[in-house]
Amino acid sequence: MATRPKKCIVPGCTNRTHAKGYCRKHYGQIWRRGEIIPDDGRAREERNPQTSIRDHQERLRALERELRKAQHLYESVIGFEGRLRWRREVEAVKVEIDKVNGAMACVAKS
């Protein structure tokens, strides 16, 4: 049986592995966005000033799919802990949607 590496496979990351060789942070980025976001202390939009409305719309569609899934699971899960977990997920996705809408408004003004 092969052993997992102890550190994340992303260059420069010293966090412990969580899944598929990535730490929790980078695995979450792969799962949610499909890419690793460079950790240089700046927001994604600051690194790429040419971020288009289309990029934001794609992100928004992905978040809306994630929100529908979380709402469905919230409705179908029985038990306090399960419902609490999915309610928190629904709230977190709504916050991300608000951020994307705000970024779209900033890009539209430019």
PDB file of N, CA and C in Angstrom:
ATOM      1  N   MET A   1       0.850  -1.181   0.000  1.00  0.00           N
ATOM      2  CA  MET A   1       0.000   0.000   0.000  1.00  0.00           C
ATOM      3  C   MET A   1       0.889   1.235   0.000  1.00  0.00           C
ATOM      4  N   ALA A   2       0.611   2.166  -0.918  1.00  0.00           N
ATOM      5  CA  ALA A   2       1.401   3.389  -1.034  1.00  0.00           C
ATOM      6  C   ALA A   2       1.016   4.352   0.079  1.00  0.00           C
ATOM      7  N   THR A   3       2.013   5.076   0.558  1.00  0.00           N
ATOM      8  CA  THR A   3       1.743   6.066   1.594  1.00  0.00           C
ATOM      9  C   THR A   3       1.606   7.436   0.963  1.00  0.00           C
ATOM     10  N   ARG A   4       0.776   8.258   1.572  1.00  0.00           N
ATOM     11  CA  ARG A   4       0.587   9.621   1.088  1.00  0.00           C
ATOM     12  C   ARG A   4       1.774  10.480   1.513  1.00  0.00           C
ATOM     13  N   PRO A   5       2.137  11.464   0.694  1.00  0.00           N
ATOM     14  CA  PRO A   5       3.167  12.394   1.142  1.00  0.00           C
ATOM     15  C   PRO A   5       2.632  13.184   2.336  1.00  0.00           C
ATOM     16  N   LYS A   6       3.524  13.601   3.184  1.00  0.00           N
ATOM     17  CA  LYS A   6       3.113  14.304   4.398  1.00  0.00           C
ATOM     18  C   LYS A   6       2.785  15.764   4.142  1.00  0.00           C
ATOM     19  N   LYS A   7       3.360  16.348   3.095  1.00  0.00           N
ATOM     20  CA  LYS A   7       3.141  17.759   2.788  1.00  0.00           C
ATOM     21  C   LYS A   7       2.376  17.900   1.483  1.00  0.00           C
ATOM     22  N   CYS A   8       1.689  19.002   1.337  1.00  0.00           N
ATOM     23  CA  CYS A   8       0.916  19.316   0.134  1.00  0.00           C
ATOM     24  C   CYS A   8       1.836  19.332  -1.089  1.00  0.00           C
ATOM     25  N   ILE A   9       1.315  18.889  -2.241  1.00  0.00           N
ATOM     26  CA  ILE A   9       2.134  18.814  -3.444  1.00  0.00           C
ATOM     27  C   ILE A   9       2.250  20.151  -4.172  1.00  0.00           C
ATOM     28  N   VAL A  10       1.561  21.182  -3.699  1.00  0.00           N
ATOM     29  CA  VAL A  10       1.673  22.512  -4.306  1.00  0.00           C
ATOM     30  C   VAL A  10       3.016  23.116  -3.887  1.00  0.00           C
ATOM     31  N   PRO A  11       3.811  23.572  -4.851  1.00  0.00           N
ATOM     32  CA  PRO A  11       5.124  24.143  -4.516  1.00  0.00           C
ATOM     33  C   PRO A  11       4.995  25.295  -3.523  1.00  0.00           C
ATOM     34  N   GLY A  12       5.814  25.236  -2.474  1.00  0.00           N
ATOM     35  CA  GLY A  12       5.826  26.285  -1.459  1.00  0.00           C
ATOM     36  C   GLY A  12       4.848  26.086  -0.323  1.00  0.00           C
ATOM     37  N   CYS A  13       3.948  25.128  -0.438  1.00  0.00           N
ATOM     38  CA  CYS A  13       2.959  24.887   0.615  1.00  0.00           C
ATOM     39  C   CYS A  13       3.524  23.870   1.603  1.00  0.00           C
ATOM     40  N   THR A  14       3.436  24.196   2.888  1.00  0.00           N
ATOM     41  CA  THR A  14       3.974  23.306   3.925  1.00  0.00           C
ATOM     42  C   THR A  14       2.872  22.637   4.747  1.00  0.00           C
ATOM     43  N   ASN A  15       1.628  22.783   4.323  1.00  0.00           N
ATOM     44  CA  ASN A  15       0.511  22.168   5.051  1.00  0.00           C
ATOM     45  C   ASN A  15       0.497  20.653   4.839  1.00  0.00           C
ATOM     46  N   ARG A  16      -0.098  19.949   5.797  1.00  0.00           N
ATOM     47  CA  ARG A  16      -0.228  18.487   5.693  1.00  0.00           C
ATOM     48  C   ARG A  16      -1.259  18.127   4.629  1.00  0.00           C
ATOM     49  N   THR A  17      -1.086  16.944   4.048  1.00  0.00           N
ATOM     50  CA  THR A  17      -2.013  16.505   3.012  1.00  0.00           C
ATOM     51  C   THR A  17      -3.381  16.175   3.597  1.00  0.00           C
ATOM     52  N   HIS A  18      -4.382  16.348   2.754  1.00  0.00           N
ATOM     53  CA  HIS A  18      -5.755  16.025   3.138  1.00  0.00           C
ATOM     54  C   HIS A  18      -6.334  15.006   2.155  1.00  0.00           C
ATOM     55  N   ALA A  19      -6.246  15.319   0.854  1.00  0.00           N
ATOM     56  CA  ALA A  19      -6.799  14.427  -0.163  1.00  0.00           C
ATOM     57  C   ALA A  19      -6.029  14.608  -1.465  1.00  0.00           C
ATOM     58  N   LYS A  20      -5.752  13.488  -2.120  1.00  0.00           N
ATOM     59  CA  LYS A  20      -5.088  13.485  -3.429  1.00  0.00           C
ATOM     60  C   LYS A  20      -3.779  14.277  -3.437  1.00  0.00           C
ATOM     61  N   GLY A  21      -3.087  14.303  -2.315  1.00  0.00           N
ATOM     62  CA  GLY A  21      -1.801  14.979  -2.234  1.00  0.00           C
ATOM     63  C   GLY A  21      -1.882  16.455  -1.907  1.00  0.00           C
ATOM     64  N   TYR A  22      -3.084  17.006  -1.824  1.00  0.00           N
ATOM     65  CA  TYR A  22      -3.277  18.422  -1.530  1.00  0.00           C
ATOM     66  C   TYR A  22      -3.662  18.616  -0.065  1.00  0.00           C
ATOM     67  N   CYS A  23      -3.346  19.789   0.463  1.00  0.00           N
ATOM     68  CA  CYS A  23      -3.818  20.159   1.803  1.00  0.00           C
ATOM     69  C   CYS A  23      -5.292  20.554   1.680  1.00  0.00           C
ATOM     70  N   ARG A  24      -5.932  20.823   2.804  1.00  0.00           N
ATOM     71  CA  ARG A  24      -7.352  21.186   2.780  1.00  0.00           C
ATOM     72  C   ARG A  24      -7.598  22.443   1.939  1.00  0.00           C
ATOM     73  N   LYS A  25      -6.740  23.429   2.083  1.00  0.00           N
ATOM     74  CA  LYS A  25      -6.915  24.692   1.355  1.00  0.00           C
ATOM     75  C   LYS A  25      -6.863  24.465  -0.155  1.00  0.00           C
ATOM     76  N   HIS A  26      -5.820  23.813  -0.622  1.00  0.00           N
ATOM     77  CA  HIS A  26      -5.647  23.631  -2.061  1.00  0.00           C
ATOM     78  C   HIS A  26      -6.632  22.606  -2.636  1.00  0.00           C
ATOM     79  N   TYR A  27      -6.970  21.588  -1.870  1.00  0.00           N
ATOM     80  CA  TYR A  27      -7.969  20.634  -2.343  1.00  0.00           C
ATOM     81  C   TYR A  27      -9.324  21.328  -2.491  1.00  0.00           C
ATOM     82  N   GLY A  28      -9.646  22.209  -1.543  1.00  0.00           N
ATOM     83  CA  GLY A  28     -10.888  22.974  -1.633  1.00  0.00           C
ATOM     84  C   GLY A  28     -10.908  23.872  -2.864  1.00  0.00           C
ATOM     85  N   GLN A  29      -9.760  24.467  -3.194  1.00  0.00           N
ATOM     86  CA  GLN A  29      -9.691  25.302  -4.390  1.00  0.00           C
ATOM     87  C   GLN A  29      -9.915  24.463  -5.642  1.00  0.00           C
ATOM     88  N   ILE A  30      -9.302  23.295  -5.708  1.00  0.00           N
ATOM     89  CA  ILE A  30      -9.495  22.403  -6.852  1.00  0.00           C
ATOM     90  C   ILE A  30     -10.960  21.990  -6.942  1.00  0.00           C
ATOM     91  N   TRP A  31     -11.549  21.638  -5.823  1.00  0.00           N
ATOM     92  CA  TRP A  31     -12.930  21.156  -5.805  1.00  0.00           C
ATOM     93  C   TRP A  31     -13.910  22.262  -6.196  1.00  0.00           C
ATOM     94  N   ARG A  32     -13.712  23.463  -5.654  1.00  0.00           N
ATOM     95  CA  ARG A  32     -14.660  24.554  -5.911  1.00  0.00           C
ATOM     96  C   ARG A  32     -14.420  25.267  -7.227  1.00  0.00           C
ATOM     97  N   ARG A  33     -13.150  25.551  -7.549  1.00  0.00           N
ATOM     98  CA  ARG A  33     -12.844  26.389  -8.706  1.00  0.00           C
ATOM     99  C   ARG A  33     -12.212  25.645  -9.864  1.00  0.00           C
ATOM    100  N   GLY A  34     -11.701  24.447  -9.579  1.00  0.00           N
ATOM    101  CA  GLY A  34     -11.042  23.677 -10.632  1.00  0.00           C
ATOM    102  C   GLY A  34      -9.622  24.124 -10.895  1.00  0.00           C
ATOM    103  N   GLU A  35      -9.072  24.958 -10.027  1.00  0.00           N
ATOM    104  CA  GLU A  35      -7.705  25.446 -10.207  1.00  0.00           C
ATOM    105  C   GLU A  35      -7.111  25.844  -8.864  1.00  0.00           C
ATOM    106  N   ILE A  36      -5.794  25.875  -8.830  1.00  0.00           N
ATOM    107  CA  ILE A  36      -5.081  26.363  -7.650  1.00  0.00           C
ATOM    108  C   ILE A  36      -4.878  27.854  -7.835  1.00  0.00           C
ATOM    109  N   ILE A  37      -5.238  28.627  -6.834  1.00  0.00           N
ATOM    110  CA  ILE A  37      -5.052  30.074  -6.895  1.00  0.00           C
ATOM    111  C   ILE A  37      -3.728  30.401  -6.215  1.00  0.00           C
ATOM    112  N   PRO A  38      -2.813  31.054  -6.922  1.00  0.00           N
ATOM    113  CA  PRO A  38      -1.521  31.396  -6.322  1.00  0.00           C
ATOM    114  C   PRO A  38      -1.703  32.205  -5.048  1.00  0.00           C
ATOM    115  N   ASP A  39      -0.930  31.885  -4.038  1.00  0.00           N
ATOM    116  CA  ASP A  39      -1.054  32.555  -2.750  1.00  0.00           C
ATOM    117  C   ASP A  39       0.027  33.624  -2.649  1.00  0.00           C
ATOM    118  N   ASP A  40      -0.235  34.759  -3.298  1.00  0.00           N
ATOM    119  CA  ASP A  40       0.731  35.840  -3.239  1.00  0.00           C
ATOM    120  C   ASP A  40       0.197  37.042  -2.469  1.00  0.00           C
ATOM    121  N   GLY A  41      -0.871  36.827  -1.698  1.00  0.00           N
ATOM    122  CA  GLY A  41      -1.399  37.871  -0.840  1.00  0.00           C
ATOM    123  C   GLY A  41      -2.334  38.842  -1.540  1.00  0.00           C
ATOM    124  N   ARG A  42      -2.597  38.654  -2.814  1.00  0.00           N
ATOM    125  CA  ARG A  42      -3.496  39.550  -3.538  1.00  0.00           C
ATOM    126  C   ARG A  42      -4.729  38.785  -3.972  1.00  0.00           C
ATOM    127  N   ALA A  43      -5.812  39.495  -4.140  1.00  0.00           N
ATOM    128  CA  ALA A  43      -7.048  38.872  -4.613  1.00  0.00           C
ATOM    129  C   ALA A  43      -6.879  38.471  -6.071  1.00  0.00           C
ATOM    130  N   ARG A  44      -7.684  37.524  -6.510  1.00  0.00           N
ATOM    131  CA  ARG A  44      -7.602  37.023  -7.886  1.00  0.00           C
ATOM    132  C   ARG A  44      -7.783  38.158  -8.901  1.00  0.00           C
ATOM    133  N   GLU A  45      -8.724  39.050  -8.643  1.00  0.00           N
ATOM    134  CA  GLU A  45      -8.985  40.142  -9.567  1.00  0.00           C
ATOM    135  C   GLU A  45      -7.806  41.098  -9.639  1.00  0.00           C
ATOM    136  N   GLU A  46      -7.078  41.279  -8.521  1.00  0.00           N
ATOM    137  CA  GLU A  46      -5.914  42.159  -8.527  1.00  0.00           C
ATOM    138  C   GLU A  46      -4.795  41.571  -9.367  1.00  0.00           C
ATOM    139  N   ARG A  47      -4.640  40.244  -9.347  1.00  0.00           N
ATOM    140  CA  ARG A  47      -3.584  39.603 -10.128  1.00  0.00           C
ATOM    141  C   ARG A  47      -3.884  39.678 -11.613  1.00  0.00           C
ATOM    142  N   ASN A  48      -5.157  39.621 -11.956  1.00  0.00           N
ATOM    143  CA  ASN A  48      -5.546  39.619 -13.354  1.00  0.00           C
ATOM    144  C   ASN A  48      -6.576  40.721 -13.578  1.00  0.00           C
ATOM    145  N   PRO A  49      -6.130  41.932 -13.891  1.00  0.00           N
ATOM    146  CA  PRO A  49      -7.083  43.035 -14.030  1.00  0.00           C
ATOM    147  C   PRO A  49      -8.025  42.864 -15.214  1.00  0.00           C
ATOM    148  N   GLN A  50      -7.718  41.952 -16.123  1.00  0.00           N
ATOM    149  CA  GLN A  50      -8.554  41.727 -17.301  1.00  0.00           C
ATOM    150  C   GLN A  50      -9.655  40.709 -17.034  1.00  0.00           C
ATOM    151  N   THR A  51      -9.911  40.395 -15.757  1.00  0.00           N
ATOM    152  CA  THR A  51     -10.973  39.450 -15.428  1.00  0.00           C
ATOM    153  C   THR A  51     -12.274  39.958 -16.027  1.00  0.00           C
ATOM    154  N   SER A  52     -12.886  39.164 -16.816  1.00  0.00           N
ATOM    155  CA  SER A  52     -14.060  39.617 -17.552  1.00  0.00           C
ATOM    156  C   SER A  52     -15.348  39.263 -16.830  1.00  0.00           C
ATOM    157  N   ILE A  53     -16.395  39.888 -17.289  1.00  0.00           N
ATOM    158  CA  ILE A  53     -17.727  39.580 -16.781  1.00  0.00           C
ATOM    159  C   ILE A  53     -18.037  38.108 -17.026  1.00  0.00           C
ATOM    160  N   ARG A  54     -17.573  37.574 -18.135  1.00  0.00           N
ATOM    161  CA  ARG A  54     -17.825  36.170 -18.466  1.00  0.00           C
ATOM    162  C   ARG A  54     -17.243  35.232 -17.405  1.00  0.00           C
ATOM    163  N   ASP A  55     -16.026  35.523 -16.929  1.00  0.00           N
ATOM    164  CA  ASP A  55     -15.418  34.709 -15.877  1.00  0.00           C
ATOM    165  C   ASP A  55     -16.271  34.740 -14.616  1.00  0.00           C
ATOM    166  N   HIS A  56     -16.759  35.934 -14.274  1.00  0.00           N
ATOM    167  CA  HIS A  56     -17.606  36.053 -13.084  1.00  0.00           C
ATOM    168  C   HIS A  56     -18.929  35.317 -13.279  1.00  0.00           C
ATOM    169  N   GLN A  57     -19.473  35.393 -14.489  1.00  0.00           N
ATOM    170  CA  GLN A  57     -20.733  34.698 -14.748  1.00  0.00           C
ATOM    171  C   GLN A  57     -20.564  33.183 -14.646  1.00  0.00           C
ATOM    172  N   GLU A  58     -19.439  32.663 -15.138  1.00  0.00           N
ATOM    173  CA  GLU A  58     -19.170  31.229 -15.017  1.00  0.00           C
ATOM    174  C   GLU A  58     -19.056  30.830 -13.557  1.00  0.00           C
ATOM    175  N   ARG A  59     -18.345  31.635 -12.773  1.00  0.00           N
ATOM    176  CA  ARG A  59     -18.198  31.367 -11.335  1.00  0.00           C
ATOM    177  C   ARG A  59     -19.561  31.422 -10.648  1.00  0.00           C
ATOM    178  N   LEU A  60     -20.374  32.398 -11.032  1.00  0.00           N
ATOM    179  CA  LEU A  60     -21.691  32.543 -10.440  1.00  0.00           C
ATOM    180  C   LEU A  60     -22.576  31.333 -10.750  1.00  0.00           C
ATOM    181  N   ARG A  61     -22.529  30.840 -11.993  1.00  0.00           N
ATOM    182  CA  ARG A  61     -23.309  29.646 -12.347  1.00  0.00           C
ATOM    183  C   ARG A  61     -22.860  28.440 -11.523  1.00  0.00           C
ATOM    184  N   ALA A  62     -21.552  28.294 -11.330  1.00  0.00           N
ATOM    185  CA  ALA A  62     -21.045  27.175 -10.533  1.00  0.00           C
ATOM    186  C   ALA A  62     -21.519  27.290  -9.089  1.00  0.00           C
ATOM    187  N   LEU A  63     -21.502  28.504  -8.542  1.00  0.00           N
ATOM    188  CA  LEU A  63     -21.970  28.701  -7.170  1.00  0.00           C
ATOM    189  C   LEU A  63     -23.472  28.448  -7.049  1.00  0.00           C
ATOM    190  N   GLU A  64     -24.220  28.831  -8.057  1.00  0.00           N
ATOM    191  CA  GLU A  64     -25.665  28.573  -8.009  1.00  0.00           C
ATOM    192  C   GLU A  64     -25.959  27.076  -8.042  1.00  0.00           C
ATOM    193  N   ARG A  65     -25.188  26.316  -8.820  1.00  0.00           N
ATOM    194  CA  ARG A  65     -25.348  24.844  -8.809  1.00  0.00           C
ATOM    195  C   ARG A  65     -25.015  24.288  -7.430  1.00  0.00           C
ATOM    196  N   GLU A  66     -23.937  24.794  -6.848  1.00  0.00           N
ATOM    197  CA  GLU A  66     -23.535  24.338  -5.516  1.00  0.00           C
ATOM    198  C   GLU A  66     -24.604  24.699  -4.490  1.00  0.00           C
ATOM    199  N   LEU A  67     -25.201  25.870  -4.623  1.00  0.00           N
ATOM    200  CA  LEU A  67     -26.255  26.290  -3.702  1.00  0.00           C
ATOM    201  C   LEU A  67     -27.479  25.380  -3.819  1.00  0.00           C
ATOM    202  N   ARG A  68     -27.891  25.067  -5.056  1.00  0.00           N
ATOM    203  CA  ARG A  68     -29.038  24.162  -5.228  1.00  0.00           C
ATOM    204  C   ARG A  68     -28.769  22.803  -4.594  1.00  0.00           C
ATOM    205  N   LYS A  69     -27.561  22.293  -4.772  1.00  0.00           N
ATOM    206  CA  LYS A  69     -27.205  20.993  -4.185  1.00  0.00           C
ATOM    207  C   LYS A  69     -27.280  21.064  -2.658  1.00  0.00           C
ATOM    208  N   ALA A  70     -26.697  22.116  -2.083  1.00  0.00           N
ATOM    209  CA  ALA A  70     -26.690  22.255  -0.625  1.00  0.00           C
ATOM    210  C   ALA A  70     -28.105  22.420  -0.086  1.00  0.00           C
ATOM    211  N   GLN A  71     -28.942  23.184  -0.791  1.00  0.00           N
ATOM    212  CA  GLN A  71     -30.322  23.355  -0.342  1.00  0.00           C
ATOM    213  C   GLN A  71     -31.091  22.037  -0.416  1.00  0.00           C
ATOM    214  N   HIS A  72     -30.853  21.264  -1.480  1.00  0.00           N
ATOM    215  CA  HIS A  72     -31.510  19.964  -1.610  1.00  0.00           C
ATOM    216  C   HIS A  72     -31.093  19.033  -0.472  1.00  0.00           C
ATOM    217  N   LEU A  73     -29.807  18.991  -0.187  1.00  0.00           N
ATOM    218  CA  LEU A  73     -29.342  18.122   0.891  1.00  0.00           C
ATOM    219  C   LEU A  73     -29.855  18.603   2.241  1.00  0.00           C
ATOM    220  N   TYR A  74     -29.940  19.921   2.432  1.00  0.00           N
ATOM    221  CA  TYR A  74     -30.489  20.460   3.679  1.00  0.00           C
ATOM    222  C   TYR A  74     -31.930  19.988   3.860  1.00  0.00           C
ATOM    223  N   GLU A  75     -32.688  20.000   2.771  1.00  0.00           N
ATOM    224  CA  GLU A  75     -34.086  19.586   2.847  1.00  0.00           C
ATOM    225  C   GLU A  75     -34.243  18.083   3.088  1.00  0.00           C
ATOM    226  N   SER A  76     -33.300  17.279   2.583  1.00  0.00           N
ATOM    227  CA  SER A  76     -33.482  15.828   2.641  1.00  0.00           C
ATOM    228  C   SER A  76     -32.777  15.143   3.813  1.00  0.00           C
ATOM    229  N   VAL A  77     -31.849  15.820   4.469  1.00  0.00           N
ATOM    230  CA  VAL A  77     -31.098  15.197   5.568  1.00  0.00           C
ATOM    231  C   VAL A  77     -31.942  15.202   6.834  1.00  0.00           C
ATOM    232  N   ILE A  78     -31.898  14.090   7.521  1.00  0.00           N
ATOM    233  CA  ILE A  78     -32.605  13.970   8.793  1.00  0.00           C
ATOM    234  C   ILE A  78     -31.557  13.996   9.900  1.00  0.00           C
ATOM    235  N   GLY A  79     -31.849  14.730  10.944  1.00  0.00           N
ATOM    236  CA  GLY A  79     -30.922  14.811  12.066  1.00  0.00           C
ATOM    237  C   GLY A  79     -30.365  16.212  12.205  1.00  0.00           C
ATOM    238  N   PHE A  80     -30.201  16.636  13.433  1.00  0.00           N
ATOM    239  CA  PHE A  80     -29.785  18.003  13.718  1.00  0.00           C
ATOM    240  C   PHE A  80     -28.408  18.329  13.142  1.00  0.00           C
ATOM    241  N   GLU A  81     -27.407  17.437  13.376  1.00  0.00           N
ATOM    242  CA  GLU A  81     -26.045  17.721  12.922  1.00  0.00           C
ATOM    243  C   GLU A  81     -25.972  17.839  11.404  1.00  0.00           C
ATOM    244  N   GLY A  82     -26.650  16.947  10.700  1.00  0.00           N
ATOM    245  CA  GLY A  82     -26.633  16.983   9.243  1.00  0.00           C
ATOM    246  C   GLY A  82     -27.282  18.239   8.689  1.00  0.00           C
ATOM    247  N   ARG A  83     -28.425  18.589   9.253  1.00  0.00           N
ATOM    248  CA  ARG A  83     -29.117  19.796   8.781  1.00  0.00           C
ATOM    249  C   ARG A  83     -28.301  21.045   9.101  1.00  0.00           C
ATOM    250  N   LEU A  84     -27.678  21.069  10.259  1.00  0.00           N
ATOM    251  CA  LEU A  84     -26.851  22.216  10.641  1.00  0.00           C
ATOM    252  C   LEU A  84     -25.683  22.378   9.677  1.00  0.00           C
ATOM    253  N   ARG A  85     -25.065  21.256   9.343  1.00  0.00           N
ATOM    254  CA  ARG A  85     -23.931  21.298   8.405  1.00  0.00           C
ATOM    255  C   ARG A  85     -24.357  21.878   7.065  1.00  0.00           C
ATOM    256  N   TRP A  86     -25.472  21.421   6.518  1.00  0.00           N
ATOM    257  CA  TRP A  86     -25.902  21.884   5.201  1.00  0.00           C
ATOM    258  C   TRP A  86     -26.444  23.303   5.241  1.00  0.00           C
ATOM    259  N   ARG A  87     -27.042  23.701   6.376  1.00  0.00           N
ATOM    260  CA  ARG A  87     -27.468  25.100   6.498  1.00  0.00           C
ATOM    261  C   ARG A  87     -26.257  26.023   6.463  1.00  0.00           C
ATOM    262  N   ARG A  88     -25.182  25.624   7.137  1.00  0.00           N
ATOM    263  CA  ARG A  88     -23.946  26.424   7.105  1.00  0.00           C
ATOM    264  C   ARG A  88     -23.373  26.481   5.697  1.00  0.00           C
ATOM    265  N   GLU A  89     -23.449  25.368   4.976  1.00  0.00           N
ATOM    266  CA  GLU A  89     -22.962  25.336   3.598  1.00  0.00           C
ATOM    267  C   GLU A  89     -23.789  26.275   2.721  1.00  0.00           C
ATOM    268  N   VAL A  90     -25.106  26.263   2.903  1.00  0.00           N
ATOM    269  CA  VAL A  90     -25.980  27.155   2.134  1.00  0.00           C
ATOM    270  C   VAL A  90     -25.601  28.607   2.407  1.00  0.00           C
ATOM    271  N   GLU A  91     -25.395  28.949   3.673  1.00  0.00           N
ATOM    272  CA  GLU A  91     -25.040  30.317   4.036  1.00  0.00           C
ATOM    273  C   GLU A  91     -23.684  30.712   3.458  1.00  0.00           C
ATOM    274  N   ALA A  92     -22.713  29.799   3.487  1.00  0.00           N
ATOM    275  CA  ALA A  92     -21.384  30.088   2.950  1.00  0.00           C
ATOM    276  C   ALA A  92     -21.432  30.319   1.445  1.00  0.00           C
ATOM    277  N   VAL A  93     -22.224  29.529   0.745  1.00  0.00           N
ATOM    278  CA  VAL A  93     -22.331  29.692  -0.707  1.00  0.00           C
ATOM    279  C   VAL A  93     -23.017  31.017  -1.036  1.00  0.00           C
ATOM    280  N   LYS A  94     -24.019  31.400  -0.256  1.00  0.00           N
ATOM    281  CA  LYS A  94     -24.682  32.687  -0.484  1.00  0.00           C
ATOM    282  C   LYS A  94     -23.698  33.848  -0.302  1.00  0.00           C
ATOM    283  N   VAL A  95     -22.814  33.749   0.663  1.00  0.00           N
ATOM    284  CA  VAL A  95     -21.789  34.781   0.868  1.00  0.00           C
ATOM    285  C   VAL A  95     -20.871  34.857  -0.353  1.00  0.00           C
ATOM    286  N   GLU A  96     -20.457  33.707  -0.886  1.00  0.00           N
ATOM    287  CA  GLU A  96     -19.606  33.680  -2.078  1.00  0.00           C
ATOM    288  C   GLU A  96     -20.333  34.286  -3.280  1.00  0.00           C
ATOM    289  N   ILE A  97     -21.624  34.002  -3.411  1.00  0.00           N
ATOM    290  CA  ILE A  97     -22.407  34.576  -4.511  1.00  0.00           C
ATOM    291  C   ILE A  97     -22.435  36.097  -4.389  1.00  0.00           C
ATOM    292  N   ASP A  98     -22.609  36.605  -3.175  1.00  0.00           N
ATOM    293  CA  ASP A  98     -22.599  38.056  -2.963  1.00  0.00           C
ATOM    294  C   ASP A  98     -21.250  38.661  -3.360  1.00  0.00           C
ATOM    295  N   LYS A  99     -20.153  37.965  -3.031  1.00  0.00           N
ATOM    296  CA  LYS A  99     -18.822  38.454  -3.400  1.00  0.00           C
ATOM    297  C   LYS A  99     -18.667  38.519  -4.916  1.00  0.00           C
ATOM    298  N   VAL A 100     -19.119  37.480  -5.597  1.00  0.00           N
ATOM    299  CA  VAL A 100     -19.012  37.454  -7.058  1.00  0.00           C
ATOM    300  C   VAL A 100     -19.863  38.551  -7.681  1.00  0.00           C
ATOM    301  N   ASN A 101     -21.067  38.749  -7.150  1.00  0.00           N
ATOM    302  CA  ASN A 101     -21.918  39.830  -7.658  1.00  0.00           C
ATOM    303  C   ASN A 101     -21.260  41.188  -7.455  1.00  0.00           C
ATOM    304  N   GLY A 102     -20.611  41.380  -6.314  1.00  0.00           N
ATOM    305  CA  GLY A 102     -19.900  42.634  -6.059  1.00  0.00           C
ATOM    306  C   GLY A 102     -18.730  42.819  -7.019  1.00  0.00           C
ATOM    307  N   ALA A 103     -18.001  41.747  -7.282  1.00  0.00           N
ATOM    308  CA  ALA A 103     -16.878  41.828  -8.220  1.00  0.00           C
ATOM    309  C   ALA A 103     -17.387  42.110  -9.633  1.00  0.00           C
ATOM    310  N   MET A 104     -18.517  41.520 -10.003  1.00  0.00           N
ATOM    311  CA  MET A 104     -19.097  41.774 -11.327  1.00  0.00           C
ATOM    312  C   MET A 104     -19.490  43.246 -11.452  1.00  0.00           C
ATOM    313  N   ALA A 105     -20.034  43.823 -10.384  1.00  0.00           N
ATOM    314  CA  ALA A 105     -20.422  45.229 -10.413  1.00  0.00           C
ATOM    315  C   ALA A 105     -19.195  46.117 -10.593  1.00  0.00           C
ATOM    316  N   CYS A 106     -18.087  45.765  -9.924  1.00  0.00           N
ATOM    317  CA  CYS A 106     -16.851  46.541 -10.059  1.00  0.00           C
ATOM    318  C   CYS A 106     -16.299  46.454 -11.482  1.00  0.00           C
ATOM    319  N   VAL A 107     -16.329  45.260 -12.066  1.00  0.00           N
ATOM    320  CA  VAL A 107     -15.829  45.083 -13.428  1.00  0.00           C
ATOM    321  C   VAL A 107     -16.725  45.818 -14.412  1.00  0.00           C
ATOM    322  N   ALA A 108     -18.031  45.802 -14.183  1.00  0.00           N
ATOM    323  CA  ALA A 108     -18.975  46.460 -15.085  1.00  0.00           C
ATOM    324  C   ALA A 108     -18.775  47.979 -15.071  1.00  0.00           C
ATOM    325  N   LYS A 109     -18.394  48.522 -13.924  1.00  0.00           N
ATOM    326  CA  LYS A 109     -18.156  49.977 -13.822  1.00  0.00           C
ATOM    327  C   LYS A 109     -16.904  50.395 -14.579  1.00  0.00           C
ATOM    328  N   SER A 110     -15.932  49.466 -14.682  1.00  0.00           N
ATOM    329  CA  SER A 110     -14.657  49.790 -15.332  1.00  0.00           C
ATOM    330  C   SER A 110     -14.794  49.987 -16.806  1.00  0.00           C
TER     331      SER A 110
END
